[in-house]
Amino acid sequence: MSNKNLFFVPLIGAEVPEELFNRYWSEVEAQLSRLEKIYGQINKLYHEGNYAKGEEGMQIIQKINERTHQLFKSRIEKGAELQDLEDKELFWEIADCQLFLTFRFSSKSILDKLSKITPEIYEAYKNAMKNRNEYIPKRVLDTLKEGETGILLLREEERIKMQFPPEINLILVRPPVLSDIEKWIREQEAKYAEDHEKE
């Protein structure tokens, strides 16, 4: 069995009600503290959307999520190292494709022109996502040393698309309040679908 332990913490969106959001991160902290007693102190920190180490990486994370920034800051003070998780070029390629694919245009002449390149952009997006899904597990494998423990903060729907190698002991962190958050998200999606049916 591998000694490379990785605590996977699902990232939740800022749209989650404040009370649930705060409860979630408090429960995450409590679970991580319990897990550290079993698996040892956290050595490596990985965060979705971060492609830099050290202070630059912490600035990126602070822009993404203040709570995860605090969680990482407290671990860095105890000796953990922030690692770059994303390939920078790949990250921006995906972001650019997503931006292009979400644009809505009204002009027929522009729509006609775009219809010729949209399939190419979509194909580039699919390839970039596939490469990212392969890159992230490999990046963790290469940087998390034998006997070390890490934290990975990533959206759940992203994690399930990735195949982590057997050398990594992936430990899922699922605070009890996550069930309430998932229920709230389902309710919001149902309400959104219902409102659009009325239009």
N, C-alpha and C. Protein backbone atom coordinates (compact mmCIF):
# COMPACT_ATOMS: atom_id res chain seq x y z
N MET A 1 0.84 -1.20 0.00
CA MET A 1 0.00 0.00 0.00
C MET A 1 0.88 1.26 0.00
N SER A 2 0.42 2.27 -0.75
CA SER A 2 1.20 3.50 -0.87
C SER A 2 1.16 4.34 0.41
N ASN A 3 2.23 5.09 0.62
CA ASN A 3 2.27 6.04 1.73
C ASN A 3 2.02 7.46 1.25
N LYS A 4 1.52 7.62 0.01
CA LYS A 4 1.18 8.95 -0.50
C LYS A 4 -0.31 9.16 -0.23
N ASN A 5 -0.62 9.94 0.80
CA ASN A 5 -2.02 10.17 1.17
C ASN A 5 -2.49 11.52 0.66
N LEU A 6 -3.69 11.54 0.08
CA LEU A 6 -4.24 12.78 -0.47
C LEU A 6 -5.67 12.96 0.02
N PHE A 7 -5.89 14.02 0.80
CA PHE A 7 -7.24 14.35 1.27
C PHE A 7 -7.93 15.16 0.18
N PHE A 8 -9.01 14.61 -0.36
CA PHE A 8 -9.76 15.33 -1.39
C PHE A 8 -10.91 16.09 -0.74
N VAL A 9 -10.88 17.42 -0.88
CA VAL A 9 -11.93 18.29 -0.34
C VAL A 9 -12.71 18.89 -1.51
N PRO A 10 -14.01 18.57 -1.66
CA PRO A 10 -14.77 19.16 -2.77
C PRO A 10 -14.92 20.67 -2.60
N LEU A 11 -14.67 21.42 -3.68
CA LEU A 11 -14.89 22.86 -3.65
C LEU A 11 -16.37 23.14 -3.85
N ILE A 12 -16.90 24.10 -3.08
CA ILE A 12 -18.30 24.50 -3.25
C ILE A 12 -18.33 25.93 -3.75
N GLY A 13 -19.37 26.28 -4.48
CA GLY A 13 -19.47 27.61 -5.07
C GLY A 13 -19.87 28.69 -4.08
N ALA A 14 -19.51 29.92 -4.41
CA ALA A 14 -19.82 31.07 -3.54
C ALA A 14 -21.31 31.37 -3.50
N GLU A 15 -22.08 30.77 -4.44
CA GLU A 15 -23.53 31.02 -4.47
C GLU A 15 -24.27 30.28 -3.35
N VAL A 16 -23.60 29.34 -2.70
CA VAL A 16 -24.20 28.59 -1.59
C VAL A 16 -24.52 29.57 -0.46
N PRO A 17 -25.72 29.46 0.18
CA PRO A 17 -26.07 30.38 1.27
C PRO A 17 -24.97 30.46 2.33
N GLU A 18 -24.75 31.66 2.85
CA GLU A 18 -23.64 31.94 3.76
C GLU A 18 -23.58 30.98 4.95
N GLU A 19 -24.74 30.68 5.53
CA GLU A 19 -24.78 29.81 6.71
C GLU A 19 -24.25 28.41 6.36
N LEU A 20 -24.68 27.87 5.23
CA LEU A 20 -24.22 26.54 4.78
C LEU A 20 -22.74 26.60 4.40
N PHE A 21 -22.37 27.68 3.72
CA PHE A 21 -20.99 27.88 3.27
C PHE A 21 -20.04 27.88 4.48
N ASN A 22 -20.37 28.65 5.52
CA ASN A 22 -19.52 28.73 6.71
C ASN A 22 -19.48 27.42 7.48
N ARG A 23 -20.65 26.77 7.59
CA ARG A 23 -20.68 25.46 8.27
C ARG A 23 -19.80 24.45 7.54
N TYR A 24 -19.87 24.49 6.21
CA TYR A 24 -19.08 23.55 5.40
C TYR A 24 -17.60 23.67 5.72
N TRP A 25 -17.06 24.91 5.66
CA TRP A 25 -15.62 25.07 5.86
C TRP A 25 -15.20 24.80 7.30
N SER A 26 -16.09 25.04 8.26
CA SER A 26 -15.79 24.69 9.66
C SER A 26 -15.70 23.17 9.82
N GLU A 27 -16.64 22.47 9.19
CA GLU A 27 -16.65 21.00 9.26
C GLU A 27 -15.45 20.40 8.51
N VAL A 28 -15.07 21.03 7.40
CA VAL A 28 -13.87 20.58 6.65
C VAL A 28 -12.66 20.66 7.57
N GLU A 29 -12.49 21.80 8.24
CA GLU A 29 -11.36 22.00 9.16
C GLU A 29 -11.34 20.92 10.24
N ALA A 30 -12.50 20.63 10.81
CA ALA A 30 -12.60 19.63 11.88
C ALA A 30 -12.22 18.25 11.36
N GLN A 31 -12.70 17.90 10.16
CA GLN A 31 -12.36 16.58 9.58
C GLN A 31 -10.88 16.48 9.26
N LEU A 32 -10.32 17.56 8.70
CA LEU A 32 -8.89 17.54 8.36
C LEU A 32 -8.04 17.37 9.62
N SER A 33 -8.42 18.03 10.70
CA SER A 33 -7.68 17.90 11.96
C SER A 33 -7.70 16.46 12.46
N ARG A 34 -8.87 15.81 12.34
CA ARG A 34 -8.98 14.39 12.76
C ARG A 34 -8.12 13.50 11.86
N LEU A 35 -8.17 13.76 10.55
CA LEU A 35 -7.41 12.94 9.59
C LEU A 35 -5.90 13.10 9.79
N GLU A 36 -5.47 14.32 10.13
CA GLU A 36 -4.04 14.56 10.36
C GLU A 36 -3.52 13.75 11.54
N LYS A 37 -4.39 13.49 12.51
CA LYS A 37 -3.98 12.68 13.67
C LYS A 37 -3.72 11.23 13.24
N ILE A 38 -4.42 10.79 12.19
CA ILE A 38 -4.28 9.42 11.70
C ILE A 38 -3.14 9.31 10.69
N TYR A 39 -3.12 10.24 9.71
CA TYR A 39 -2.19 10.13 8.58
C TYR A 39 -0.95 11.02 8.70
N GLY A 40 -0.93 11.88 9.68
CA GLY A 40 0.23 12.76 9.84
C GLY A 40 -0.01 14.15 9.27
N GLN A 41 0.88 15.04 9.60
CA GLN A 41 0.77 16.45 9.20
C GLN A 41 0.74 16.61 7.68
N ILE A 42 -0.02 17.59 7.23
CA ILE A 42 -0.14 17.87 5.79
C ILE A 42 1.13 18.55 5.29
N ASN A 43 1.68 17.99 4.19
CA ASN A 43 2.93 18.50 3.61
C ASN A 43 2.72 19.31 2.34
N LYS A 44 1.74 18.90 1.51
CA LYS A 44 1.56 19.52 0.19
C LYS A 44 0.11 20.01 0.02
N LEU A 45 -0.02 21.15 -0.65
CA LEU A 45 -1.32 21.79 -0.86
C LEU A 45 -1.57 21.98 -2.36
N TYR A 46 -2.74 21.53 -2.83
CA TYR A 46 -3.10 21.63 -4.24
C TYR A 46 -4.49 22.26 -4.36
N HIS A 47 -4.64 23.21 -5.28
CA HIS A 47 -5.92 23.92 -5.43
C HIS A 47 -6.25 24.09 -6.89
N GLU A 48 -7.48 23.72 -7.25
CA GLU A 48 -7.99 23.93 -8.61
C GLU A 48 -7.79 25.39 -9.03
N GLY A 49 -7.35 25.59 -10.26
CA GLY A 49 -7.18 26.93 -10.79
C GLY A 49 -5.84 27.58 -10.44
N ASN A 50 -5.02 26.89 -9.65
CA ASN A 50 -3.73 27.47 -9.27
C ASN A 50 -2.59 26.89 -10.10
N TYR A 51 -1.84 27.76 -10.77
CA TYR A 51 -0.73 27.31 -11.61
C TYR A 51 0.60 27.90 -11.13
N ALA A 52 0.67 28.34 -9.86
CA ALA A 52 1.91 28.94 -9.35
C ALA A 52 2.21 28.43 -7.95
N LYS A 53 3.50 28.52 -7.57
CA LYS A 53 3.92 28.13 -6.22
C LYS A 53 4.01 29.37 -5.33
N GLY A 54 4.22 29.13 -4.05
CA GLY A 54 4.55 30.20 -3.12
C GLY A 54 3.53 31.33 -3.06
N GLU A 55 4.06 32.56 -2.88
CA GLU A 55 3.22 33.74 -2.67
C GLU A 55 2.32 34.03 -3.87
N GLU A 56 2.86 33.84 -5.09
CA GLU A 56 2.05 34.07 -6.30
C GLU A 56 0.84 33.14 -6.31
N GLY A 57 1.08 31.87 -5.97
CA GLY A 57 -0.01 30.90 -5.91
C GLY A 57 -1.04 31.26 -4.86
N MET A 58 -0.59 31.73 -3.70
CA MET A 58 -1.51 32.12 -2.63
C MET A 58 -2.37 33.32 -3.05
N GLN A 59 -1.80 34.22 -3.85
CA GLN A 59 -2.58 35.37 -4.36
C GLN A 59 -3.67 34.89 -5.32
N ILE A 60 -3.34 33.90 -6.15
CA ILE A 60 -4.33 33.32 -7.08
C ILE A 60 -5.47 32.69 -6.27
N ILE A 61 -5.11 31.91 -5.25
CA ILE A 61 -6.12 31.22 -4.43
C ILE A 61 -6.99 32.21 -3.68
N GLN A 62 -6.40 33.29 -3.20
CA GLN A 62 -7.18 34.30 -2.47
C GLN A 62 -8.26 34.89 -3.37
N LYS A 63 -7.96 35.05 -4.67
CA LYS A 63 -8.95 35.57 -5.62
C LYS A 63 -10.06 34.54 -5.88
N ILE A 64 -9.70 33.26 -5.80
CA ILE A 64 -10.67 32.20 -6.06
C ILE A 64 -11.61 32.04 -4.86
N ASN A 65 -11.03 31.96 -3.64
CA ASN A 65 -11.83 31.63 -2.46
C ASN A 65 -11.08 32.02 -1.19
N GLU A 66 -11.62 32.99 -0.47
CA GLU A 66 -10.97 33.49 0.75
C GLU A 66 -10.88 32.40 1.82
N ARG A 67 -11.92 31.54 1.91
CA ARG A 67 -11.90 30.49 2.95
C ARG A 67 -10.81 29.44 2.70
N THR A 68 -10.63 29.06 1.44
CA THR A 68 -9.59 28.08 1.14
C THR A 68 -8.21 28.70 1.30
N HIS A 69 -8.12 30.00 1.04
CA HIS A 69 -6.86 30.73 1.25
C HIS A 69 -6.48 30.66 2.73
N GLN A 70 -7.47 30.88 3.62
CA GLN A 70 -7.23 30.81 5.07
C GLN A 70 -6.81 29.40 5.49
N LEU A 71 -7.51 28.41 4.93
CA LEU A 71 -7.20 27.00 5.25
C LEU A 71 -5.75 26.67 4.87
N PHE A 72 -5.33 27.12 3.68
CA PHE A 72 -3.96 26.85 3.22
C PHE A 72 -2.94 27.65 4.03
N LYS A 73 -3.28 28.90 4.35
CA LYS A 73 -2.36 29.77 5.09
C LYS A 73 -2.01 29.13 6.44
N SER A 74 -3.02 28.59 7.12
CA SER A 74 -2.77 27.96 8.43
C SER A 74 -1.88 26.73 8.28
N ARG A 75 -2.01 26.01 7.15
CA ARG A 75 -1.17 24.82 6.92
C ARG A 75 0.26 25.22 6.54
N ILE A 76 0.41 26.30 5.78
CA ILE A 76 1.75 26.79 5.39
C ILE A 76 2.52 27.22 6.64
N GLU A 77 1.80 27.84 7.58
CA GLU A 77 2.43 28.27 8.85
C GLU A 77 2.97 27.08 9.63
N LYS A 78 2.40 25.89 9.37
CA LYS A 78 2.86 24.67 10.05
C LYS A 78 3.89 23.90 9.20
N GLY A 79 4.28 24.49 8.04
CA GLY A 79 5.35 23.88 7.25
C GLY A 79 4.94 23.25 5.93
N ALA A 80 3.64 23.29 5.58
CA ALA A 80 3.19 22.72 4.30
C ALA A 80 3.63 23.60 3.14
N GLU A 81 3.75 23.01 1.95
CA GLU A 81 4.16 23.74 0.74
C GLU A 81 3.03 23.77 -0.26
N LEU A 82 2.78 24.97 -0.82
CA LEU A 82 1.80 25.10 -1.89
C LEU A 82 2.45 24.68 -3.20
N GLN A 83 1.76 23.79 -3.93
CA GLN A 83 2.24 23.32 -5.22
C GLN A 83 1.38 23.91 -6.34
N ASP A 84 1.98 24.10 -7.51
CA ASP A 84 1.18 24.46 -8.68
C ASP A 84 0.50 23.19 -9.17
N LEU A 85 -0.82 23.27 -9.38
CA LEU A 85 -1.59 22.08 -9.80
C LEU A 85 -1.88 22.08 -11.29
N GLU A 86 -2.15 23.26 -11.82
CA GLU A 86 -2.56 23.37 -13.23
C GLU A 86 -1.36 23.67 -14.13
N ASP A 87 -1.45 23.23 -15.38
CA ASP A 87 -0.53 23.68 -16.41
C ASP A 87 -1.08 25.03 -16.89
N LYS A 88 -0.29 26.08 -16.78
CA LYS A 88 -0.76 27.45 -17.03
C LYS A 88 -1.34 27.62 -18.43
N GLU A 89 -0.62 27.16 -19.44
CA GLU A 89 -1.08 27.32 -20.83
C GLU A 89 -2.40 26.58 -21.06
N LEU A 90 -2.49 25.36 -20.53
CA LEU A 90 -3.69 24.54 -20.65
C LEU A 90 -4.87 25.20 -19.93
N PHE A 91 -4.60 25.74 -18.75
CA PHE A 91 -5.62 26.41 -17.95
C PHE A 91 -6.24 27.57 -18.73
N TRP A 92 -5.39 28.42 -19.34
CA TRP A 92 -5.90 29.57 -20.07
C TRP A 92 -6.55 29.18 -21.40
N GLU A 93 -6.08 28.08 -21.99
CA GLU A 93 -6.70 27.58 -23.22
C GLU A 93 -8.15 27.17 -22.93
N ILE A 94 -8.36 26.46 -21.81
CA ILE A 94 -9.71 26.03 -21.41
C ILE A 94 -10.58 27.25 -21.13
N ALA A 95 -10.02 28.22 -20.38
CA ALA A 95 -10.77 29.44 -20.04
C ALA A 95 -11.19 30.20 -21.29
N ASP A 96 -10.28 30.31 -22.27
CA ASP A 96 -10.59 31.02 -23.51
C ASP A 96 -11.69 30.30 -24.31
N CYS A 97 -11.58 28.97 -24.37
CA CYS A 97 -12.60 28.18 -25.09
C CYS A 97 -13.97 28.34 -24.42
N GLN A 98 -14.00 28.28 -23.08
CA GLN A 98 -15.27 28.42 -22.35
C GLN A 98 -15.88 29.78 -22.61
N LEU A 99 -15.04 30.81 -22.62
CA LEU A 99 -15.51 32.17 -22.87
C LEU A 99 -16.13 32.27 -24.26
N PHE A 100 -15.43 31.74 -25.25
CA PHE A 100 -15.94 31.78 -26.63
C PHE A 100 -17.26 31.02 -26.75
N LEU A 101 -17.31 29.83 -26.15
CA LEU A 101 -18.49 28.97 -26.31
C LEU A 101 -19.72 29.49 -25.55
N THR A 102 -19.53 30.41 -24.61
CA THR A 102 -20.69 30.96 -23.88
C THR A 102 -21.20 32.27 -24.47
N PHE A 103 -20.47 32.85 -25.42
CA PHE A 103 -20.92 34.09 -26.04
C PHE A 103 -22.21 33.84 -26.84
N ARG A 104 -23.12 34.79 -26.77
CA ARG A 104 -24.35 34.73 -27.57
C ARG A 104 -24.37 35.96 -28.48
N PHE A 105 -24.42 35.72 -29.78
CA PHE A 105 -24.39 36.82 -30.75
C PHE A 105 -25.75 36.96 -31.42
N SER A 106 -26.07 38.16 -31.87
CA SER A 106 -27.38 38.44 -32.49
C SER A 106 -27.29 38.62 -34.00
N SER A 107 -26.14 39.07 -34.48
CA SER A 107 -25.98 39.36 -35.90
C SER A 107 -25.89 38.07 -36.72
N LYS A 108 -26.72 37.99 -37.77
CA LYS A 108 -26.72 36.78 -38.61
C LYS A 108 -25.37 36.59 -39.31
N SER A 109 -24.78 37.68 -39.83
CA SER A 109 -23.51 37.55 -40.56
C SER A 109 -22.40 37.04 -39.63
N ILE A 110 -22.39 37.53 -38.38
CA ILE A 110 -21.38 37.06 -37.42
C ILE A 110 -21.66 35.61 -37.04
N LEU A 111 -22.92 35.28 -36.83
CA LEU A 111 -23.29 33.89 -36.50
C LEU A 111 -22.86 32.93 -37.61
N ASP A 112 -23.04 33.35 -38.87
CA ASP A 112 -22.63 32.52 -40.00
C ASP A 112 -21.12 32.28 -39.99
N LYS A 113 -20.36 33.35 -39.70
CA LYS A 113 -18.90 33.22 -39.65
C LYS A 113 -18.47 32.31 -38.48
N LEU A 114 -19.12 32.53 -37.34
CA LEU A 114 -18.75 31.75 -36.14
C LEU A 114 -19.11 30.27 -36.27
N SER A 115 -20.19 29.98 -37.00
CA SER A 115 -20.61 28.58 -37.15
C SER A 115 -19.52 27.74 -37.82
N LYS A 116 -18.63 28.41 -38.60
CA LYS A 116 -17.54 27.68 -39.27
C LYS A 116 -16.41 27.34 -38.28
N ILE A 117 -16.19 28.22 -37.27
CA ILE A 117 -15.07 27.95 -36.36
C ILE A 117 -15.49 27.33 -35.01
N THR A 118 -16.79 27.41 -34.67
CA THR A 118 -17.24 26.87 -33.38
C THR A 118 -16.90 25.39 -33.20
N PRO A 119 -17.09 24.52 -34.22
CA PRO A 119 -16.71 23.11 -34.03
C PRO A 119 -15.22 22.93 -33.70
N GLU A 120 -14.38 23.77 -34.32
CA GLU A 120 -12.94 23.70 -34.04
C GLU A 120 -12.63 24.09 -32.59
N ILE A 121 -13.30 25.15 -32.12
CA ILE A 121 -13.09 25.61 -30.74
C ILE A 121 -13.58 24.54 -29.76
N TYR A 122 -14.73 23.95 -30.08
CA TYR A 122 -15.28 22.91 -29.20
C TYR A 122 -14.33 21.71 -29.13
N GLU A 123 -13.76 21.36 -30.27
CA GLU A 123 -12.80 20.24 -30.32
C GLU A 123 -11.54 20.58 -29.51
N ALA A 124 -11.06 21.81 -29.64
CA ALA A 124 -9.89 22.26 -28.87
C ALA A 124 -10.20 22.21 -27.37
N TYR A 125 -11.43 22.59 -27.01
CA TYR A 125 -11.86 22.57 -25.61
C TYR A 125 -11.88 21.14 -25.07
N LYS A 126 -12.47 20.23 -25.84
CA LYS A 126 -12.53 18.81 -25.43
C LYS A 126 -11.14 18.23 -25.22
N ASN A 127 -10.23 18.52 -26.16
CA ASN A 127 -8.85 18.02 -26.06
C ASN A 127 -8.12 18.60 -24.86
N ALA A 128 -8.32 19.91 -24.63
CA ALA A 128 -7.67 20.57 -23.50
C ALA A 128 -8.17 19.99 -22.18
N MET A 129 -9.48 19.73 -22.08
CA MET A 129 -10.05 19.14 -20.86
C MET A 129 -9.52 17.73 -20.63
N LYS A 130 -9.39 16.97 -21.71
CA LYS A 130 -8.85 15.61 -21.60
C LYS A 130 -7.41 15.67 -21.09
N ASN A 131 -6.63 16.59 -21.67
CA ASN A 131 -5.22 16.74 -21.25
C ASN A 131 -5.12 17.18 -19.80
N ARG A 132 -6.02 18.07 -19.37
CA ARG A 132 -6.04 18.54 -17.98
C ARG A 132 -6.37 17.38 -17.03
N ASN A 133 -7.35 16.57 -17.42
CA ASN A 133 -7.76 15.44 -16.58
C ASN A 133 -6.64 14.40 -16.42
N GLU A 134 -5.72 14.38 -17.36
CA GLU A 134 -4.55 13.49 -17.25
C GLU A 134 -3.41 14.19 -16.51
N TYR A 135 -3.29 15.51 -16.72
CA TYR A 135 -2.18 16.27 -16.15
C TYR A 135 -2.25 16.36 -14.63
N ILE A 136 -3.44 16.67 -14.10
CA ILE A 136 -3.57 16.92 -12.65
C ILE A 136 -3.19 15.70 -11.80
N PRO A 137 -3.73 14.49 -12.07
CA PRO A 137 -3.30 13.34 -11.25
C PRO A 137 -1.80 13.07 -11.34
N LYS A 138 -1.23 13.28 -12.55
CA LYS A 138 0.21 13.06 -12.73
C LYS A 138 1.01 14.10 -11.95
N ARG A 139 0.53 15.34 -11.96
CA ARG A 139 1.20 16.42 -11.24
C ARG A 139 1.25 16.10 -9.74
N VAL A 140 0.13 15.61 -9.21
CA VAL A 140 0.09 15.25 -7.78
C VAL A 140 1.05 14.09 -7.51
N LEU A 141 1.01 13.08 -8.38
CA LEU A 141 1.89 11.91 -8.21
C LEU A 141 3.37 12.32 -8.20
N ASP A 142 3.73 13.25 -9.10
CA ASP A 142 5.13 13.68 -9.23
C ASP A 142 5.63 14.54 -8.07
N THR A 143 4.72 15.27 -7.43
CA THR A 143 5.15 16.22 -6.39
C THR A 143 4.90 15.73 -4.96
N LEU A 144 3.97 14.81 -4.79
CA LEU A 144 3.69 14.26 -3.45
C LEU A 144 4.65 13.09 -3.23
N LYS A 145 5.56 13.28 -2.31
CA LYS A 145 6.60 12.27 -2.08
C LYS A 145 6.09 11.12 -1.19
N GLU A 146 6.81 10.01 -1.26
CA GLU A 146 6.49 8.85 -0.43
C GLU A 146 6.49 9.26 1.05
N GLY A 147 5.43 8.89 1.75
CA GLY A 147 5.33 9.23 3.18
C GLY A 147 4.70 10.58 3.45
N GLU A 148 4.37 11.33 2.37
CA GLU A 148 3.77 12.65 2.56
C GLU A 148 2.25 12.60 2.47
N THR A 149 1.62 13.64 3.00
CA THR A 149 0.17 13.80 2.95
C THR A 149 -0.14 15.15 2.31
N GLY A 150 -1.14 15.16 1.43
CA GLY A 150 -1.52 16.40 0.76
C GLY A 150 -3.01 16.66 0.86
N ILE A 151 -3.39 17.90 0.53
CA ILE A 151 -4.82 18.27 0.39
C ILE A 151 -5.02 18.69 -1.05
N LEU A 152 -6.11 18.20 -1.65
CA LEU A 152 -6.50 18.62 -3.00
C LEU A 152 -7.89 19.24 -2.92
N LEU A 153 -8.00 20.51 -3.32
CA LEU A 153 -9.29 21.20 -3.39
C LEU A 153 -9.69 21.32 -4.85
N LEU A 154 -10.80 20.66 -5.18
CA LEU A 154 -11.22 20.54 -6.57
C LEU A 154 -12.73 20.30 -6.57
N ARG A 155 -13.41 20.79 -7.60
CA ARG A 155 -14.85 20.50 -7.68
C ARG A 155 -15.06 18.99 -7.87
N GLU A 156 -16.08 18.47 -7.21
CA GLU A 156 -16.38 17.02 -7.25
C GLU A 156 -16.58 16.54 -8.68
N GLU A 157 -17.29 17.34 -9.49
CA GLU A 157 -17.57 16.90 -10.88
C GLU A 157 -16.30 16.82 -11.71
N GLU A 158 -15.27 17.57 -11.32
CA GLU A 158 -13.97 17.48 -12.01
C GLU A 158 -13.22 16.23 -11.56
N ARG A 159 -13.24 15.96 -10.24
CA ARG A 159 -12.50 14.82 -9.71
C ARG A 159 -12.96 13.50 -10.32
N ILE A 160 -14.28 13.36 -10.49
CA ILE A 160 -14.79 12.07 -10.98
C ILE A 160 -14.38 11.79 -12.43
N LYS A 161 -13.92 12.82 -13.15
CA LYS A 161 -13.43 12.63 -14.53
C LYS A 161 -11.96 12.21 -14.55
N MET A 162 -11.31 12.26 -13.38
CA MET A 162 -9.87 11.99 -13.32
C MET A 162 -9.59 10.60 -12.75
N GLN A 163 -8.53 10.00 -13.25
CA GLN A 163 -8.11 8.68 -12.78
C GLN A 163 -6.82 8.85 -11.99
N PHE A 164 -6.94 8.80 -10.65
CA PHE A 164 -5.73 8.93 -9.83
C PHE A 164 -5.02 7.59 -9.77
N PRO A 165 -3.68 7.60 -9.89
CA PRO A 165 -2.94 6.33 -9.90
C PRO A 165 -3.04 5.60 -8.55
N PRO A 166 -2.89 4.27 -8.58
CA PRO A 166 -3.02 3.48 -7.34
C PRO A 166 -1.97 3.83 -6.28
N GLU A 167 -0.88 4.49 -6.70
CA GLU A 167 0.16 4.89 -5.73
C GLU A 167 -0.34 5.97 -4.77
N ILE A 168 -1.47 6.60 -5.13
CA ILE A 168 -2.02 7.66 -4.27
C ILE A 168 -3.23 7.10 -3.51
N ASN A 169 -3.17 7.25 -2.19
CA ASN A 169 -4.28 6.83 -1.34
C ASN A 169 -5.22 8.03 -1.20
N LEU A 170 -6.29 8.04 -2.01
CA LEU A 170 -7.22 9.17 -2.05
C LEU A 170 -8.26 9.03 -0.94
N ILE A 171 -8.29 10.02 -0.05
CA ILE A 171 -9.21 9.98 1.10
C ILE A 171 -10.21 11.11 0.93
N LEU A 172 -11.50 10.74 0.77
CA LEU A 172 -12.54 11.73 0.51
C LEU A 172 -12.97 12.40 1.82
N VAL A 173 -12.98 13.73 1.80
CA VAL A 173 -13.46 14.51 2.95
C VAL A 173 -14.87 14.96 2.61
N ARG A 174 -15.85 14.43 3.36
CA ARG A 174 -17.26 14.75 3.09
C ARG A 174 -17.95 15.17 4.38
N PRO A 175 -17.89 16.46 4.71
CA PRO A 175 -18.55 16.93 5.93
C PRO A 175 -20.06 16.66 5.87
N PRO A 176 -20.71 16.40 7.02
CA PRO A 176 -22.16 16.11 7.03
C PRO A 176 -23.01 17.16 6.32
N VAL A 177 -22.62 18.44 6.43
CA VAL A 177 -23.41 19.53 5.83
C VAL A 177 -23.41 19.47 4.30
N LEU A 178 -22.50 18.71 3.71
CA LEU A 178 -22.43 18.61 2.24
C LEU A 178 -23.75 18.07 1.67
N SER A 179 -24.42 17.18 2.39
CA SER A 179 -25.73 16.65 1.95
C SER A 179 -26.75 17.77 1.84
N ASP A 180 -26.75 18.69 2.82
CA ASP A 180 -27.67 19.84 2.79
C ASP A 180 -27.35 20.76 1.62
N ILE A 181 -26.06 20.94 1.34
CA ILE A 181 -25.63 21.81 0.24
C ILE A 181 -26.06 21.20 -1.10
N GLU A 182 -25.86 19.88 -1.24
CA GLU A 182 -26.25 19.20 -2.49
C GLU A 182 -27.76 19.26 -2.69
N LYS A 183 -28.53 19.16 -1.59
CA LYS A 183 -29.99 19.27 -1.65
C LYS A 183 -30.38 20.68 -2.09
N TRP A 184 -29.72 21.70 -1.53
CA TRP A 184 -30.00 23.09 -1.90
C TRP A 184 -29.71 23.32 -3.39
N ILE A 185 -28.59 22.78 -3.88
CA ILE A 185 -28.22 22.93 -5.30
C ILE A 185 -29.28 22.28 -6.20
N ARG A 186 -29.72 21.07 -5.83
CA ARG A 186 -30.76 20.37 -6.62
C ARG A 186 -32.05 21.20 -6.66
N GLU A 187 -32.41 21.79 -5.53
CA GLU A 187 -33.63 22.62 -5.46
C GLU A 187 -33.50 23.85 -6.36
N GLN A 188 -32.32 24.48 -6.37
CA GLN A 188 -32.08 25.66 -7.21
C GLN A 188 -32.17 25.29 -8.69
N GLU A 189 -31.61 24.13 -9.04
CA GLU A 189 -31.63 23.67 -10.44
C GLU A 189 -33.05 23.39 -10.89
N ALA A 190 -33.84 22.76 -9.99
CA ALA A 190 -35.24 22.44 -10.31
C ALA A 190 -36.05 23.72 -10.49
N LYS A 191 -35.81 24.70 -9.62
CA LYS A 191 -36.51 25.99 -9.68
C LYS A 191 -36.15 26.72 -10.99
N TYR A 192 -34.86 26.68 -11.35
CA TYR A 192 -34.38 27.33 -12.58
C TYR A 192 -35.06 26.70 -13.80
N ALA A 193 -35.12 25.36 -13.82
CA ALA A 193 -35.74 24.64 -14.94
C ALA A 193 -37.24 24.98 -15.02
N GLU A 194 -37.90 25.04 -13.87
CA GLU A 194 -39.33 25.35 -13.80
C GLU A 194 -39.60 26.77 -14.32
N ASP A 195 -38.76 27.74 -13.90
CA ASP A 195 -38.92 29.12 -14.35
C ASP A 195 -38.74 29.24 -15.86
N HIS A 196 -37.81 28.46 -16.43
CA HIS A 196 -37.58 28.53 -17.87
C HIS A 196 -38.68 27.86 -18.68
N GLU A 197 -39.36 26.90 -18.07
CA GLU A 197 -40.48 26.25 -18.76
C GLU A 197 -41.64 27.23 -18.93
N LYS A 198 -41.78 28.15 -17.97
CA LYS A 198 -42.88 29.14 -17.99
C LYS A 198 -42.66 30.20 -19.06
N GLU A 199 -41.39 30.42 -19.45
CA GLU A 199 -41.09 31.51 -20.42
C GLU A 199 -41.59 31.18 -21.82
